C-alpha atoms as a PDB file:
ATOM      1  CA  MET A   1     170.931  89.644 138.830  1.00  0.00           C
ATOM      2  CA  ALA A   2     167.919  91.646 140.016  1.00  0.00           C
ATOM      3  CA  ILE A   3     164.620  91.644 137.775  1.00  0.00           C
ATOM      4  CA  ASP A   4     162.395  94.688 138.142  1.00  0.00           C
ATOM      5  CA  ALA A   5     158.713  95.106 137.665  1.00  0.00           C
ATOM      6  CA  ALA A   6     159.695  96.524 133.777  1.00  0.00           C
ATOM      7  CA  THR A   7     161.149  93.610 132.992  1.00  0.00           C
ATOM      8  CA  VAL A   8     158.393  91.438 134.137  1.00  0.00           C
ATOM      9  CA  ARG A   9     156.037  93.556 132.271  1.00  0.00           C
ATOM     10  CA  LYS A  10     158.067  93.218 129.188  1.00  0.00           C
ATOM     11  CA  VAL A  11     158.379  89.462 129.416  1.00  0.00           C
ATOM     12  CA  ALA A  12     154.969  88.826 130.183  1.00  0.00           C
ATOM     13  CA  ARG A  13     153.752  90.829 127.449  1.00  0.00           C
ATOM     14  CA  LEU A  14     155.996  89.029 125.008  1.00  0.00           C
ATOM     15  CA  ALA A  15     154.775  85.590 126.492  1.00  0.00           C
ATOM     16  CA  ARG A  16     151.238  87.212 126.270  1.00  0.00           C
ATOM     17  CA  ILE A  17     150.503  86.184 130.011  1.00  0.00           C
ATOM     18  CA  ALA A  18     148.413  88.998 131.262  1.00  0.00           C
ATOM     19  CA  GLN A  19     149.451  90.183 134.726  1.00  0.00           C
ATOM     20  CA  PRO A  20     147.799  92.859 136.935  1.00  0.00           C
ATOM     21  CA  GLU A  21     149.971  95.718 137.356  1.00  0.00           C
ATOM     22  CA  GLU A  22     149.910  95.045 141.364  1.00  0.00           C
ATOM     23  CA  LYS A  23     151.405  91.401 140.948  1.00  0.00           C
ATOM     24  CA  LEU A  24     154.400  92.580 138.894  1.00  0.00           C
ATOM     25  CA  GLU A  25     156.711  93.652 141.872  1.00  0.00           C
ATOM     26  CA  PRO A  26     155.851  90.580 143.679  1.00  0.00           C
ATOM     27  CA  LEU A  27     156.693  88.562 140.629  1.00  0.00           C
ATOM     28  CA  ALA A  28     159.854  90.363 140.015  1.00  0.00           C
ATOM     29  CA  LYS A  29     161.301  89.759 143.580  1.00  0.00           C
ATOM     30  CA  GLU A  30     160.257  86.045 143.342  1.00  0.00           C
ATOM     31  CA  LEU A  31     162.155  85.666 139.980  1.00  0.00           C
ATOM     32  CA  SER A  32     165.187  87.600 141.384  1.00  0.00           C
ATOM     33  CA  GLY A  33     164.994  85.159 144.165  1.00  0.00           C
ATOM     34  CA  ILE A  34     165.213  82.204 141.711  1.00  0.00           C
ATOM     35  CA  LEU A  35     167.910  83.678 139.892  1.00  0.00           C
ATOM     36  CA  ALA A  36     169.752  84.237 143.051  1.00  0.00           C
ATOM     37  CA  TRP A  37     169.623  80.620 143.883  1.00  0.00           C
ATOM     38  CA  ILE A  38     170.504  79.540 140.450  1.00  0.00           C
ATOM     39  CA  GLU A  39     173.910  81.726 140.519  1.00  0.00           C
ATOM     40  CA  GLN A  40     174.710  79.654 143.712  1.00  0.00           C
ATOM     41  CA  LEU A  41     174.899  76.449 141.499  1.00  0.00           C
ATOM     42  CA  ASN A  42     178.193  78.476 139.581  1.00  0.00           C
ATOM     43  CA  GLU A  43     179.898  78.074 143.166  1.00  0.00           C
ATOM     44  CA  VAL A  44     179.655  74.086 143.172  1.00  0.00           C
ATOM     45  CA  ASP A  45     183.087  72.627 142.080  1.00  0.00           C
ATOM     46  CA  THR A  46     182.141  69.954 139.204  1.00  0.00           C
ATOM     47  CA  ASP A  47     185.590  69.404 138.104  1.00  0.00           C
ATOM     48  CA  GLY A  48     185.800  65.414 137.363  1.00  0.00           C
ATOM     49  CA  VAL A  49     181.990  64.932 137.511  1.00  0.00           C
ATOM     50  CA  GLN A  50     180.702  63.461 134.590  1.00  0.00           C
ATOM     51  CA  PRO A  51     177.546  64.427 132.862  1.00  0.00           C
ATOM     52  CA  MET A  52     174.559  62.323 133.372  1.00  0.00           C
ATOM     53  CA  THR A  53     171.192  61.945 131.424  1.00  0.00           C
ATOM     54  CA  SER A  54     169.756  60.268 134.484  1.00  0.00           C
ATOM     55  CA  ALA A  55     170.324  59.000 138.031  1.00  0.00           C
ATOM     56  CA  VAL A  56     170.560  55.336 136.569  1.00  0.00           C
ATOM     57  CA  HIS A  57     173.133  54.490 133.700  1.00  0.00           C
ATOM     58  CA  MET A  58     170.914  53.523 130.707  1.00  0.00           C
ATOM     59  CA  PRO A  59     172.045  53.339 127.408  1.00  0.00           C
ATOM     60  CA  ILE A  60     170.028  55.847 124.901  1.00  0.00           C
ATOM     61  CA  PRO A  61     168.110  53.761 122.462  1.00  0.00           C
ATOM     62  CA  MET A  62     169.146  54.914 118.622  1.00  0.00           C
ATOM     63  CA  ARG A  63     166.944  54.510 115.912  1.00  0.00           C
ATOM     64  CA  ASP A  64     167.769  54.605 112.263  1.00  0.00           C
ATOM     65  CA  ASP A  65     167.768  58.117 110.560  1.00  0.00           C
ATOM     66  CA  VAL A  66     165.371  57.706 107.778  1.00  0.00           C
ATOM     67  CA  VAL A  67     164.161  60.447 105.815  1.00  0.00           C
ATOM     68  CA  THR A  68     160.473  60.605 105.206  1.00  0.00           C
ATOM     69  CA  ASP A  69     157.609  62.658 103.356  1.00  0.00           C
ATOM     70  CA  GLY A  70     156.489  63.339 107.164  1.00  0.00           C
ATOM     71  CA  GLY A  71     153.257  61.884 106.682  1.00  0.00           C
ATOM     72  CA  ASP A  72     150.077  63.745 105.489  1.00  0.00           C
ATOM     73  CA  PRO A  73     150.861  67.560 105.691  1.00  0.00           C
ATOM     74  CA  ALA A  74     146.911  68.138 105.072  1.00  0.00           C
ATOM     75  CA  LYS A  75     146.362  66.283 108.126  1.00  0.00           C
ATOM     76  CA  VAL A  76     148.871  68.172 110.219  1.00  0.00           C
ATOM     77  CA  LEU A  77     148.063  71.311 109.216  1.00  0.00           C
ATOM     78  CA  ALA A  78     144.185  70.494 109.910  1.00  0.00           C
ATOM     79  CA  ASN A  79     145.265  70.807 113.890  1.00  0.00           C
ATOM     80  CA  ALA A  80     146.336  74.310 113.339  1.00  0.00           C
ATOM     81  CA  PRO A  81     143.981  77.347 113.938  1.00  0.00           C
ATOM     82  CA  LYS A  82     145.526  78.949 111.165  1.00  0.00           C
ATOM     83  CA  THR A  83     147.633  78.236 108.273  1.00  0.00           C
ATOM     84  CA  VAL A  84     148.673  80.108 105.019  1.00  0.00           C
ATOM     85  CA  GLY A  85     150.596  78.263 102.056  1.00  0.00           C
ATOM     86  CA  GLY A  86     150.998  75.230 103.803  1.00  0.00           C
ATOM     87  CA  PHE A  87     152.573  76.907 106.728  1.00  0.00           C
ATOM     88  CA  PHE A  88     151.371  77.224 110.466  1.00  0.00           C
ATOM     89  CA  VAL A  89     150.845  80.763 111.203  1.00  0.00           C
ATOM     90  CA  VAL A  90     151.776  81.896 114.836  1.00  0.00           C
ATOM     91  CA  PRO A  91     151.745  85.369 116.233  1.00  0.00           C
ATOM     92  CA  LYS A  92     154.858  87.099 116.622  1.00  0.00           C
ATOM     93  CA  VAL A  93     156.581  87.200 119.774  1.00  0.00           C
ATOM     94  CA  VAL A  94     159.815  88.339 119.452  1.00  0.00           C
ATOM     95  CA  GLU A  95     160.734  91.946 118.565  1.00  0.00           C
END
């Protein structure tokens, strides 16, 4: 899968990352190389291989599923740069 400069420009705009025009083409080549490497992983035969969560087998700690009120909403919302009606306000990034 090849990525072109136009795709990098669009993704950078959606992620609100400023990229100078002269860096778009090298970045597109770098991302295309990364995706090509990832596509090579599809060729690996993983039949009979159990999924792992880590290199050492460890039981996953479990906790009781208890419904709470979430603590103090006023304290949580105090950390937000902008709120409206008890909700966080974030910029739209998906068209």
